[in-house]
PDB file of N, CA and C in Angstrom:
ATOM      1  N   MET A   1     -31.212  17.178  29.772  1.00  0.00           N
ATOM      2  CA  MET A   1     -32.037  16.222  29.207  1.00  0.00           C
ATOM      3  C   MET A   1     -32.367  15.064  29.684  1.00  0.00           C
ATOM      4  N   HIS A   2     -32.713  14.260  29.737  1.00  0.00           N
ATOM      5  CA  HIS A   2     -33.432  12.746  29.976  1.00  0.00           C
ATOM      6  C   HIS A   2     -32.271  11.626  29.905  1.00  0.00           C
ATOM      7  N   THR A   3     -31.566  11.024  30.617  1.00  0.00           N
ATOM      8  CA  THR A   3     -30.835   9.868  30.466  1.00  0.00           C
ATOM      9  C   THR A   3     -31.874   8.707  30.086  1.00  0.00           C
ATOM     10  N   ASP A   4     -33.029   8.799  30.607  1.00  0.00           N
ATOM     11  CA  ASP A   4     -33.855   7.354  30.699  1.00  0.00           C
ATOM     12  C   ASP A   4     -34.374   7.512  28.802  1.00  0.00           C
ATOM     13  N   LEU A   5     -34.041   8.444  27.829  1.00  0.00           N
ATOM     14  CA  LEU A   5     -34.651   7.952  26.673  1.00  0.00           C
ATOM     15  C   LEU A   5     -34.220   7.073  25.997  1.00  0.00           C
ATOM     16  N   LYS A   6     -35.106   6.207  25.547  1.00  0.00           N
ATOM     17  CA  LYS A   6     -34.813   4.930  24.391  1.00  0.00           C
ATOM     18  C   LYS A   6     -35.305   5.107  23.071  1.00  0.00           C
ATOM     19  N   TYR A   7     -34.768   5.323  22.174  1.00  0.00           N
ATOM     20  CA  TYR A   7     -35.517   5.523  20.899  1.00  0.00           C
ATOM     21  C   TYR A   7     -36.819   4.546  20.621  1.00  0.00           C
ATOM     22  N   HIS A   8     -38.091   4.782  19.950  1.00  0.00           N
ATOM     23  CA  HIS A   8     -38.699   4.125  20.181  1.00  0.00           C
ATOM     24  C   HIS A   8     -39.195   3.855  18.297  1.00  0.00           C
ATOM     25  N   HIS A   9     -39.634   4.885  17.821  1.00  0.00           N
ATOM     26  CA  HIS A   9     -39.792   5.049  16.609  1.00  0.00           C
ATOM     27  C   HIS A   9     -39.831   6.280  16.019  1.00  0.00           C
ATOM     28  N   LEU A  10     -39.946   6.820  14.811  1.00  0.00           N
ATOM     29  CA  LEU A  10     -40.373   8.098  14.143  1.00  0.00           C
ATOM     30  C   LEU A  10     -41.415   7.852  13.209  1.00  0.00           C
ATOM     31  N   GLY A  11     -41.921   8.551  13.615  1.00  0.00           N
ATOM     32  CA  GLY A  11     -43.535   8.975  12.563  1.00  0.00           C
ATOM     33  C   GLY A  11     -43.502   9.681  12.048  1.00  0.00           C
ATOM     34  N   ILE A  12     -43.711   9.448  10.729  1.00  0.00           N
ATOM     35  CA  ILE A  12     -43.524  10.338   9.469  1.00  0.00           C
ATOM     36  C   ILE A  12     -45.228  10.245   8.939  1.00  0.00           C
ATOM     37  N   PRO A  13     -45.560  11.388   8.797  1.00  0.00           N
ATOM     38  CA  PRO A  13     -47.105  11.947   8.057  1.00  0.00           C
ATOM     39  C   PRO A  13     -47.126  11.680   6.534  1.00  0.00           C
ATOM     40  N   THR A  14     -48.442  10.813   6.116  1.00  0.00           N
ATOM     41  CA  THR A  14     -48.310  10.836   4.428  1.00  0.00           C
ATOM     42  C   THR A  14     -49.998  11.115   4.350  1.00  0.00           C
ATOM     43  N   LYS A  15     -50.044  11.204   3.216  1.00  0.00           N
ATOM     44  CA  LYS A  15     -51.350  11.149   2.733  1.00  0.00           C
ATOM     45  C   LYS A  15     -51.536   9.865   1.677  1.00  0.00           C
ATOM     46  N   GLU A  16     -50.943   9.034   1.927  1.00  0.00           N
ATOM     47  CA  GLU A  16     -51.213   7.961   0.865  1.00  0.00           C
ATOM     48  C   GLU A  16     -51.114   6.650   2.077  1.00  0.00           C
ATOM     49  N   LYS A  17     -52.257   5.529   0.817  1.00  0.00           N
ATOM     50  CA  LYS A  17     -52.517   4.526   1.956  1.00  0.00           C
ATOM     51  C   LYS A  17     -51.372   3.344   2.279  1.00  0.00           C
ATOM     52  N   HIS A  18     -50.991   2.828   3.357  1.00  0.00           N
ATOM     53  CA  HIS A  18     -50.307   1.562   3.522  1.00  0.00           C
ATOM     54  C   HIS A  18     -50.600   0.185   4.157  1.00  0.00           C
ATOM     55  N   ASP A  19     -49.779  -0.960   3.201  1.00  0.00           N
ATOM     56  CA  ASP A  19     -50.544  -1.986   3.937  1.00  0.00           C
ATOM     57  C   ASP A  19     -50.302  -1.510   5.392  1.00  0.00           C
ATOM     58  N   GLY A  20     -51.108  -2.571   6.117  1.00  0.00           N
ATOM     59  CA  GLY A  20     -51.358  -3.137   7.571  1.00  0.00           C
ATOM     60  C   GLY A  20     -51.143  -1.551   8.488  1.00  0.00           C
ATOM     61  N   GLU A  21     -52.184  -1.315   8.195  1.00  0.00           N
ATOM     62  CA  GLU A  21     -52.917  -0.031   8.677  1.00  0.00           C
ATOM     63  C   GLU A  21     -53.669   0.459   9.881  1.00  0.00           C
ATOM     64  N   THR A  22     -53.396   0.338  11.051  1.00  0.00           N
ATOM     65  CA  THR A  22     -54.197   0.348  12.542  1.00  0.00           C
ATOM     66  C   THR A  22     -55.019   1.107  12.560  1.00  0.00           C
ATOM     67  N   TYR A  23     -56.330   1.539  12.936  1.00  0.00           N
ATOM     68  CA  TYR A  23     -56.873   2.914  12.848  1.00  0.00           C
ATOM     69  C   TYR A  23     -56.876   3.196  14.715  1.00  0.00           C
ATOM     70  N   LEU A  24     -56.829   4.428  14.843  1.00  0.00           N
ATOM     71  CA  LEU A  24     -56.706   4.570  16.263  1.00  0.00           C
ATOM     72  C   LEU A  24     -58.246   5.814  15.971  1.00  0.00           C
ATOM     73  N   LYS A  25     -59.246   5.176  16.295  1.00  0.00           N
ATOM     74  CA  LYS A  25     -60.557   6.671  16.019  1.00  0.00           C
ATOM     75  C   LYS A  25     -60.365   7.628  16.992  1.00  0.00           C
ATOM     76  N   GLU A  26     -59.567   7.375  18.057  1.00  0.00           N
ATOM     77  CA  GLU A  26     -59.572   9.209  18.931  1.00  0.00           C
ATOM     78  C   GLU A  26     -58.994   9.892  18.298  1.00  0.00           C
ATOM     79  N   PHE A  27     -58.090   9.434  17.374  1.00  0.00           N
ATOM     80  CA  PHE A  27     -57.521  10.685  16.841  1.00  0.00           C
ATOM     81  C   PHE A  27     -57.359  10.530  14.988  1.00  0.00           C
ATOM     82  N   LYS A  28     -58.182   9.616  14.707  1.00  0.00           N
ATOM     83  CA  LYS A  28     -59.359   9.310  13.497  1.00  0.00           C
ATOM     84  C   LYS A  28     -57.108   9.937  12.877  1.00  0.00           C
ATOM     85  N   VAL A  29     -56.350   8.838  12.971  1.00  0.00           N
ATOM     86  CA  VAL A  29     -54.943   8.485  12.267  1.00  0.00           C
ATOM     87  C   VAL A  29     -55.249   6.874  12.111  1.00  0.00           C
ATOM     88  N   TYR A  30     -54.429   6.512  10.566  1.00  0.00           N
ATOM     89  CA  TYR A  30     -54.024   5.278  10.296  1.00  0.00           C
ATOM     90  C   TYR A  30     -52.771   5.099  10.891  1.00  0.00           C
ATOM     91  N   ALA A  31     -52.241   4.306  11.187  1.00  0.00           N
ATOM     92  CA  ALA A  31     -50.749   4.199  11.646  1.00  0.00           C
ATOM     93  C   ALA A  31     -50.461   2.936  11.176  1.00  0.00           C
ATOM     94  N   SER A  32     -48.895   2.705  10.543  1.00  0.00           N
ATOM     95  CA  SER A  32     -48.439   1.617   9.892  1.00  0.00           C
ATOM     96  C   SER A  32     -46.967   1.280  10.036  1.00  0.00           C
ATOM     97  N   GLY A  33     -46.499  -0.034  10.029  1.00  0.00           N
ATOM     98  CA  GLY A  33     -45.443   0.332   9.440  1.00  0.00           C
ATOM     99  C   GLY A  33     -44.219  -0.158  10.735  1.00  0.00           C
ATOM    100  N   TYR A  34     -44.869   0.410  11.592  1.00  0.00           N
ATOM    101  CA  TYR A  34     -43.897   0.152  12.968  1.00  0.00           C
ATOM    102  C   TYR A  34     -43.262  -1.037  13.295  1.00  0.00           C
ATOM    103  N   ASP A  35     -43.903  -1.639  12.962  1.00  0.00           N
ATOM    104  CA  ASP A  35     -44.155  -3.052  13.364  1.00  0.00           C
ATOM    105  C   ASP A  35     -43.185  -3.641  12.620  1.00  0.00           C
ATOM    106  N   THR A  36     -43.179  -3.846  11.308  1.00  0.00           N
ATOM    107  CA  THR A  36     -42.507  -4.455  10.354  1.00  0.00           C
ATOM    108  C   THR A  36     -41.633  -3.570   9.708  1.00  0.00           C
ATOM    109  N   SER A  37     -40.676  -2.254  10.147  1.00  0.00           N
ATOM    110  CA  SER A  37     -39.384  -1.543   9.629  1.00  0.00           C
ATOM    111  C   SER A  37     -38.478  -1.416  10.513  1.00  0.00           C
ATOM    112  N   PRO A  38     -37.720  -2.526  10.297  1.00  0.00           N
ATOM    113  CA  PRO A  38     -36.307  -2.672  11.359  1.00  0.00           C
ATOM    114  C   PRO A  38     -35.986  -1.385  11.780  1.00  0.00           C
ATOM    115  N   TYR A  39     -36.408  -0.449  11.348  1.00  0.00           N
ATOM    116  CA  TYR A  39     -35.609   1.002  11.878  1.00  0.00           C
ATOM    117  C   TYR A  39     -36.880   2.043  12.747  1.00  0.00           C
ATOM    118  N   LYS A  40     -38.039   1.336  12.830  1.00  0.00           N
ATOM    119  CA  LYS A  40     -39.159   1.757  13.479  1.00  0.00           C
ATOM    120  C   LYS A  40     -39.669   2.886  12.901  1.00  0.00           C
ATOM    121  N   ILE A  41     -39.842   2.955  11.675  1.00  0.00           N
ATOM    122  CA  ILE A  41     -40.512   4.023  10.858  1.00  0.00           C
ATOM    123  C   ILE A  41     -42.055   3.665  11.094  1.00  0.00           C
ATOM    124  N   GLU A  42     -42.608   4.982  11.531  1.00  0.00           N
ATOM    125  CA  GLU A  42     -44.098   4.660  11.360  1.00  0.00           C
ATOM    126  C   GLU A  42     -44.488   5.578  10.452  1.00  0.00           C
ATOM    127  N   TRP A  43     -45.620   5.547   9.502  1.00  0.00           N
ATOM    128  CA  TRP A  43     -46.167   5.918   8.603  1.00  0.00           C
ATOM    129  C   TRP A  43     -47.281   6.883   8.997  1.00  0.00           C
ATOM    130  N   MET A  44     -48.064   7.673   9.387  1.00  0.00           N
ATOM    131  CA  MET A  44     -49.373   8.199  10.244  1.00  0.00           C
ATOM    132  C   MET A  44     -49.734   8.970   8.817  1.00  0.00           C
ATOM    133  N   ARG A  45     -51.270   8.436   8.766  1.00  0.00           N
ATOM    134  CA  ARG A  45     -52.268   8.730   7.684  1.00  0.00           C
ATOM    135  C   ARG A  45     -53.553   9.449   8.191  1.00  0.00           C
ATOM    136  N   PHE A  46     -53.504  10.665   8.330  1.00  0.00           N
ATOM    137  CA  PHE A  46     -54.977  11.560   9.074  1.00  0.00           C
ATOM    138  C   PHE A  46     -56.123  11.834   8.272  1.00  0.00           C
ATOM    139  N   GLU A  47     -57.098  11.023   8.799  1.00  0.00           N
ATOM    140  CA  GLU A  47     -58.549  11.647   8.145  1.00  0.00           C
ATOM    141  C   GLU A  47     -58.729  13.341   8.376  1.00  0.00           C
ATOM    142  N   GLN A  48     -59.299  13.632   7.403  1.00  0.00           N
ATOM    143  CA  GLN A  48     -59.568  15.218   7.185  1.00  0.00           C
ATOM    144  C   GLN A  48     -60.097  15.896   8.297  1.00  0.00           C
ATOM    145  N   ASP A  49     -60.805  15.240   9.228  1.00  0.00           N
ATOM    146  CA  ASP A  49     -60.974  16.145  10.236  1.00  0.00           C
ATOM    147  C   ASP A  49     -60.784  15.066  11.552  1.00  0.00           C
ATOM    148  N   SER A  50     -59.465  15.125  11.219  1.00  0.00           N
ATOM    149  CA  SER A  50     -58.887  14.574  12.609  1.00  0.00           C
ATOM    150  C   SER A  50     -58.456  15.570  13.608  1.00  0.00           C
ATOM    151  N   PRO A  51     -58.512  15.395  14.794  1.00  0.00           N
ATOM    152  CA  PRO A  51     -58.479  16.242  15.931  1.00  0.00           C
ATOM    153  C   PRO A  51     -57.147  16.620  16.255  1.00  0.00           C
ATOM    154  N   ALA A  52     -55.765  15.593  15.469  1.00  0.00           N
ATOM    155  CA  ALA A  52     -54.523  15.853  15.992  1.00  0.00           C
ATOM    156  C   ALA A  52     -54.127  17.155  15.628  1.00  0.00           C
ATOM    157  N   PRO A  53     -52.834  17.777  16.669  1.00  0.00           N
ATOM    158  CA  PRO A  53     -52.698  18.805  16.023  1.00  0.00           C
ATOM    159  C   PRO A  53     -51.848  19.446  14.975  1.00  0.00           C
ATOM    160  N   GLU A  54     -52.237  20.424  14.238  1.00  0.00           N
ATOM    161  CA  GLU A  54     -51.739  20.876  12.559  1.00  0.00           C
ATOM    162  C   GLU A  54     -50.319  19.953  12.735  1.00  0.00           C
ATOM    163  N   LEU A  55     -49.236  20.360  13.773  1.00  0.00           N
ATOM    164  CA  LEU A  55     -47.737  20.281  13.979  1.00  0.00           C
ATOM    165  C   LEU A  55     -47.382  18.778  13.554  1.00  0.00           C
ATOM    166  N   VAL A  56     -48.643  17.975  14.378  1.00  0.00           N
ATOM    167  CA  VAL A  56     -48.126  16.324  14.169  1.00  0.00           C
ATOM    168  C   VAL A  56     -48.743  15.862  12.981  1.00  0.00           C
ATOM    169  N   LYS A  57     -49.903  16.605  12.157  1.00  0.00           N
ATOM    170  CA  LYS A  57     -50.511  15.590  11.026  1.00  0.00           C
ATOM    171  C   LYS A  57     -49.391  16.447   9.568  1.00  0.00           C
ATOM    172  N   THR A  58     -48.330  17.274  10.099  1.00  0.00           N
ATOM    173  CA  THR A  58     -47.328  17.875   8.769  1.00  0.00           C
ATOM    174  C   THR A  58     -46.293  17.361   9.302  1.00  0.00           C
ATOM    175  N   VAL A  59     -45.543  17.379  10.624  1.00  0.00           N
ATOM    176  CA  VAL A  59     -44.467  17.414  10.516  1.00  0.00           C
ATOM    177  C   VAL A  59     -43.723  15.840  11.212  1.00  0.00           C
ATOM    178  N   PRO A  60     -42.697  15.225  10.601  1.00  0.00           N
ATOM    179  CA  PRO A  60     -42.560  14.186  11.138  1.00  0.00           C
ATOM    180  C   PRO A  60     -42.049  14.585  13.264  1.00  0.00           C
ATOM    181  N   HIS A  61     -42.219  13.347  13.537  1.00  0.00           N
ATOM    182  CA  HIS A  61     -41.507  13.195  15.181  1.00  0.00           C
ATOM    183  C   HIS A  61     -40.992  11.841  15.254  1.00  0.00           C
ATOM    184  N   ILE A  62     -40.305  12.262  16.416  1.00  0.00           N
ATOM    185  CA  ILE A  62     -39.265  11.163  16.704  1.00  0.00           C
ATOM    186  C   ILE A  62     -40.206  10.974  18.164  1.00  0.00           C
ATOM    187  N   ALA A  63     -39.934   9.629  18.229  1.00  0.00           N
ATOM    188  CA  ALA A  63     -40.585   8.929  19.748  1.00  0.00           C
ATOM    189  C   ALA A  63     -39.560   8.403  20.405  1.00  0.00           C
ATOM    190  N   PHE A  64     -39.762   8.940  22.344  1.00  0.00           N
ATOM    191  CA  PHE A  64     -38.684   7.923  23.035  1.00  0.00           C
ATOM    192  C   PHE A  64     -39.774   7.500  23.978  1.00  0.00           C
ATOM    193  N   GLU A  65     -39.104   6.070  24.116  1.00  0.00           N
ATOM    194  CA  GLU A  65     -39.901   5.257  25.897  1.00  0.00           C
ATOM    195  C   GLU A  65     -38.653   5.871  26.729  1.00  0.00           C
ATOM    196  N   VAL A  66     -39.406   6.462  28.021  1.00  0.00           N
ATOM    197  CA  VAL A  66     -39.414   6.525  29.315  1.00  0.00           C
ATOM    198  C   VAL A  66     -39.990   6.061  30.048  1.00  0.00           C
ATOM    199  N   ASP A  67     -39.279   5.952  31.151  1.00  0.00           N
ATOM    200  CA  ASP A  67     -39.341   5.092  32.237  1.00  0.00           C
ATOM    201  C   ASP A  67     -40.725   5.951  33.115  1.00  0.00           C
ATOM    202  N   ASP A  68     -41.027   7.495  33.257  1.00  0.00           N
ATOM    203  CA  ASP A  68     -41.787   8.119  33.855  1.00  0.00           C
ATOM    204  C   ASP A  68     -42.331   9.357  33.114  1.00  0.00           C
ATOM    205  N   LEU A  69     -43.178   9.264  32.203  1.00  0.00           N
ATOM    206  CA  LEU A  69     -43.840  10.064  31.608  1.00  0.00           C
ATOM    207  C   LEU A  69     -44.179  11.473  32.462  1.00  0.00           C
ATOM    208  N   ASN A  70     -44.998  11.189  33.314  1.00  0.00           N
ATOM    209  CA  ASN A  70     -45.253  12.695  33.981  1.00  0.00           C
ATOM    210  C   ASN A  70     -43.634  13.219  34.132  1.00  0.00           C
ATOM    211  N   GLU A  71     -43.267  12.640  34.449  1.00  0.00           N
ATOM    212  CA  GLU A  71     -41.627  13.345  35.167  1.00  0.00           C
ATOM    213  C   GLU A  71     -41.158  13.799  33.556  1.00  0.00           C
ATOM    214  N   THR A  72     -41.301  12.879  32.557  1.00  0.00           N
ATOM    215  CA  THR A  72     -40.162  13.582  31.472  1.00  0.00           C
ATOM    216  C   THR A  72     -41.169  14.746  30.628  1.00  0.00           C
ATOM    217  N   ILE A  73     -42.430  15.310  30.874  1.00  0.00           N
ATOM    218  CA  ILE A  73     -43.184  16.289  30.204  1.00  0.00           C
ATOM    219  C   ILE A  73     -43.232  17.380  31.230  1.00  0.00           C
ATOM    220  N   LYS A  74     -42.552  16.652  32.317  1.00  0.00           N
ATOM    221  CA  LYS A  74     -42.587  18.568  33.411  1.00  0.00           C
ATOM    222  C   LYS A  74     -42.239  19.621  33.084  1.00  0.00           C
ATOM    223  N   GLY A  75     -43.058  20.836  32.854  1.00  0.00           N
ATOM    224  CA  GLY A  75     -42.401  21.880  32.523  1.00  0.00           C
ATOM    225  C   GLY A  75     -42.343  22.083  30.615  1.00  0.00           C
ATOM    226  N   LYS A  76     -42.552  21.156  30.181  1.00  0.00           N
ATOM    227  CA  LYS A  76     -42.427  21.600  28.939  1.00  0.00           C
ATOM    228  C   LYS A  76     -43.821  21.629  28.293  1.00  0.00           C
ATOM    229  N   ASN A  77     -43.380  22.289  27.016  1.00  0.00           N
ATOM    230  CA  ASN A  77     -44.538  23.498  25.947  1.00  0.00           C
ATOM    231  C   ASN A  77     -45.467  21.639  25.326  1.00  0.00           C
ATOM    232  N   ILE A  78     -46.594  21.589  26.309  1.00  0.00           N
ATOM    233  CA  ILE A  78     -47.448  20.252  25.853  1.00  0.00           C
ATOM    234  C   ILE A  78     -48.039  20.301  24.503  1.00  0.00           C
ATOM    235  N   LEU A  79     -47.605  19.114  23.930  1.00  0.00           N
ATOM    236  CA  LEU A  79     -48.714  19.483  22.142  1.00  0.00           C
ATOM    237  C   LEU A  79     -49.636  18.799  22.951  1.00  0.00           C
ATOM    238  N   ILE A  80     -49.862  17.259  23.440  1.00  0.00           N
ATOM    239  CA  ILE A  80     -51.037  16.652  23.167  1.00  0.00           C
ATOM    240  C   ILE A  80     -50.547  16.019  24.300  1.00  0.00           C
ATOM    241  N   GLU A  81     -51.843  16.102  25.792  1.00  0.00           N
ATOM    242  CA  GLU A  81     -51.589  15.658  27.027  1.00  0.00           C
ATOM    243  C   GLU A  81     -51.351  14.668  26.956  1.00  0.00           C
ATOM    244  N   SER A  82     -50.872  13.846  28.228  1.00  0.00           N
ATOM    245  CA  SER A  82     -50.946  12.489  28.354  1.00  0.00           C
ATOM    246  C   SER A  82     -52.167  11.536  27.655  1.00  0.00           C
ATOM    247  N   ASN A  83     -52.027  10.290  27.261  1.00  0.00           N
ATOM    248  CA  ASN A  83     -53.504   9.794  27.563  1.00  0.00           C
ATOM    249  C   ASN A  83     -52.743   8.065  26.741  1.00  0.00           C
ATOM    250  N   SER A  84     -53.678   7.298  27.082  1.00  0.00           N
ATOM    251  CA  SER A  84     -53.319   5.747  26.230  1.00  0.00           C
ATOM    252  C   SER A  84     -54.642   5.548  25.371  1.00  0.00           C
ATOM    253  N   PRO A  85     -53.417   5.533  24.034  1.00  0.00           N
ATOM    254  CA  PRO A  85     -53.899   5.091  22.610  1.00  0.00           C
ATOM    255  C   PRO A  85     -54.220   3.432  22.727  1.00  0.00           C
ATOM    256  N   SER A  86     -53.939   2.853  23.646  1.00  0.00           N
ATOM    257  CA  SER A  86     -54.066   1.385  23.107  1.00  0.00           C
ATOM    258  C   SER A  86     -53.250   0.556  24.761  1.00  0.00           C
ATOM    259  N   PRO A  87     -54.054  -0.273  25.267  1.00  0.00           N
ATOM    260  CA  PRO A  87     -53.768  -1.253  26.701  1.00  0.00           C
ATOM    261  C   PRO A  87     -52.109  -1.205  26.643  1.00  0.00           C
ATOM    262  N   GLY A  88     -51.867  -0.227  28.334  1.00  0.00           N
ATOM    263  CA  GLY A  88     -50.174  -0.524  28.404  1.00  0.00           C
ATOM    264  C   GLY A  88     -49.730   0.487  28.098  1.00  0.00           C
ATOM    265  N   ILE A  89     -50.369   1.630  27.473  1.00  0.00           N
ATOM    266  CA  ILE A  89     -49.462   2.282  27.140  1.00  0.00           C
ATOM    267  C   ILE A  89     -49.584   3.769  26.912  1.00  0.00           C
ATOM    268  N   THR A  90     -48.983   4.536  27.412  1.00  0.00           N
ATOM    269  CA  THR A  90     -49.348   5.776  27.641  1.00  0.00           C
ATOM    270  C   THR A  90     -48.572   7.060  27.135  1.00  0.00           C
ATOM    271  N   VAL A  91     -49.211   7.925  26.216  1.00  0.00           N
ATOM    272  CA  VAL A  91     -48.304   8.529  25.722  1.00  0.00           C
ATOM    273  C   VAL A  91     -48.415  10.610  26.094  1.00  0.00           C
ATOM    274  N   ALA A  92     -47.569  11.295  25.138  1.00  0.00           N
ATOM    275  CA  ALA A  92     -47.636  12.318  24.952  1.00  0.00           C
ATOM    276  C   ALA A  92     -46.852  13.138  24.263  1.00  0.00           C
ATOM    277  N   PHE A  93     -47.282  14.174  23.751  1.00  0.00           N
ATOM    278  CA  PHE A  93     -46.332  15.171  23.283  1.00  0.00           C
ATOM    279  C   PHE A  93     -45.838  16.412  23.381  1.00  0.00           C
ATOM    280  N   ILE A  94     -44.792  16.680  22.974  1.00  0.00           N
ATOM    281  CA  ILE A  94     -44.397  18.142  23.325  1.00  0.00           C
ATOM    282  C   ILE A  94     -43.734  18.657  22.227  1.00  0.00           C
ATOM    283  N   VAL A  95     -43.707  19.956  21.919  1.00  0.00           N
ATOM    284  CA  VAL A  95     -42.983  20.952  21.226  1.00  0.00           C
ATOM    285  C   VAL A  95     -41.547  21.164  21.302  1.00  0.00           C
ATOM    286  N   ASP A  96     -40.362  21.101  20.293  1.00  0.00           N
ATOM    287  CA  ASP A  96     -39.044  20.988  20.994  1.00  0.00           C
ATOM    288  C   ASP A  96     -38.290  21.299  19.634  1.00  0.00           C
ATOM    289  N   ASN A  97     -37.237  22.686  19.759  1.00  0.00           N
ATOM    290  CA  ASN A  97     -37.671  23.479  18.316  1.00  0.00           C
ATOM    291  C   ASN A  97     -38.345  23.372  17.128  1.00  0.00           C
ATOM    292  N   ASP A  98     -39.383  23.410  17.650  1.00  0.00           N
ATOM    293  CA  ASP A  98     -40.379  23.735  16.481  1.00  0.00           C
ATOM    294  C   ASP A  98     -40.705  22.284  15.797  1.00  0.00           C
ATOM    295  N   ALA A  99     -40.860  21.149  16.694  1.00  0.00           N
ATOM    296  CA  ALA A  99     -41.038  20.498  16.034  1.00  0.00           C
ATOM    297  C   ALA A  99     -41.582  19.545  17.143  1.00  0.00           C
ATOM    298  N   PRO A 100     -42.556  18.303  16.902  1.00  0.00           N
ATOM    299  CA  PRO A 100     -43.062  17.626  17.776  1.00  0.00           C
ATOM    300  C   PRO A 100     -42.290  16.067  17.992  1.00  0.00           C
ATOM    301  N   VAL A 101     -42.485  15.755  19.549  1.00  0.00           N
ATOM    302  CA  VAL A 101     -41.592  14.918  19.942  1.00  0.00           C
ATOM    303  C   VAL A 101     -42.546  14.382  20.941  1.00  0.00           C
ATOM    304  N   GLU A 102     -42.387  12.884  20.835  1.00  0.00           N
ATOM    305  CA  GLU A 102     -43.368  11.873  21.476  1.00  0.00           C
ATOM    306  C   GLU A 102     -43.095  11.093  22.465  1.00  0.00           C
ATOM    307  N   PHE A 103     -43.336  10.996  23.790  1.00  0.00           N
ATOM    308  CA  PHE A 103     -42.819  10.056  24.427  1.00  0.00           C
ATOM    309  C   PHE A 103     -43.589   9.414  25.086  1.00  0.00           C
ATOM    310  N   LEU A 104     -43.646   8.042  25.406  1.00  0.00           N
ATOM    311  CA  LEU A 104     -44.256   6.808  25.625  1.00  0.00           C
ATOM    312  C   LEU A 104     -44.000   6.322  26.764  1.00  0.00           C
ATOM    313  N   GLN A 105     -44.310   5.497  27.660  1.00  0.00           N
ATOM    314  CA  GLN A 105     -44.334   4.921  28.812  1.00  0.00           C
ATOM    315  C   GLN A 105     -45.379   3.191  28.722  1.00  0.00           C
ATOM    316  N   ILE A 106     -44.424   2.758  28.899  1.00  0.00           N
ATOM    317  CA  ILE A 106     -45.302   1.029  28.565  1.00  0.00           C
ATOM    318  C   ILE A 106     -44.913  -0.036  29.472  1.00  0.00           C
ATOM    319  N   ASP A 107     -46.524  -0.586  29.841  1.00  0.00           N
ATOM    320  CA  ASP A 107     -46.180  -1.406  30.967  1.00  0.00           C
ATOM    321  C   ASP A 107     -46.388  -2.818  30.110  1.00  0.00           C
ATOM    322  N   ARG A 108     -45.244  -3.421  29.799  1.00  0.00           N
ATOM    323  CA  ARG A 108     -44.975  -4.676  29.420  1.00  0.00           C
ATOM    324  C   ARG A 108     -46.238  -5.625  29.503  1.00  0.00           C
ATOM    325  N   SER A 109     -46.283  -5.688  30.630  1.00  0.00           N
ATOM    326  CA  SER A 109     -47.257  -6.781  31.349  1.00  0.00           C
ATOM    327  C   SER A 109     -48.854  -6.734  30.634  1.00  0.00           C
ATOM    328  N   ILE A 110     -48.908  -5.616  29.935  1.00  0.00           N
ATOM    329  CA  ILE A 110     -50.228  -5.205  29.840  1.00  0.00           C
ATOM    330  C   ILE A 110     -50.136  -4.837  28.085  1.00  0.00           C
ATOM    331  N   ALA A 111     -48.956  -4.090  27.673  1.00  0.00           N
ATOM    332  CA  ALA A 111     -48.866  -3.902  25.707  1.00  0.00           C
ATOM    333  C   ALA A 111     -48.649  -5.235  25.461  1.00  0.00           C
ATOM    334  N   LYS A 112     -49.245  -5.461  24.299  1.00  0.00           N
ATOM    335  CA  LYS A 112     -48.442  -6.701  23.176  1.00  0.00           C
ATOM    336  C   LYS A 112     -47.775  -5.893  21.676  1.00  0.00           C
ATOM    337  N   ASN A 113     -47.013  -6.459  21.590  1.00  0.00           N
ATOM    338  CA  ASN A 113     -45.971  -6.016  19.930  1.00  0.00           C
ATOM    339  C   ASN A 113     -45.526  -4.840  20.132  1.00  0.00           C
ATOM    340  N   ILE A 114     -45.467  -3.834  21.041  1.00  0.00           N
ATOM    341  CA  ILE A 114     -44.538  -2.988  21.314  1.00  0.00           C
ATOM    342  C   ILE A 114     -43.011  -2.983  21.718  1.00  0.00           C
TER     343      ILE A 114
END
């Protein structure tokens, strides 16, 4: 277990539109709620042809902020390789106990509102 894990958000797949959706073109997903929920609950609505893995499109995931993303995912069952969905943020997903888990490494000098 990593001691540098810090809860970041809970991502929940949905088919319903939500106010304030942000579109992530690379994954063909609309995300919303993170910045307005006191518990950091994020709704994720995927387009039909989204390239995201089925597990992410159908099962809620928990996300943790980490200091060293590469070290955290080393030797793990990688679901989504390390990528940067927005400036200053690098993410990756693994599978743990048949569930998706997201890790984020954030450069706060670049990332905004995170």
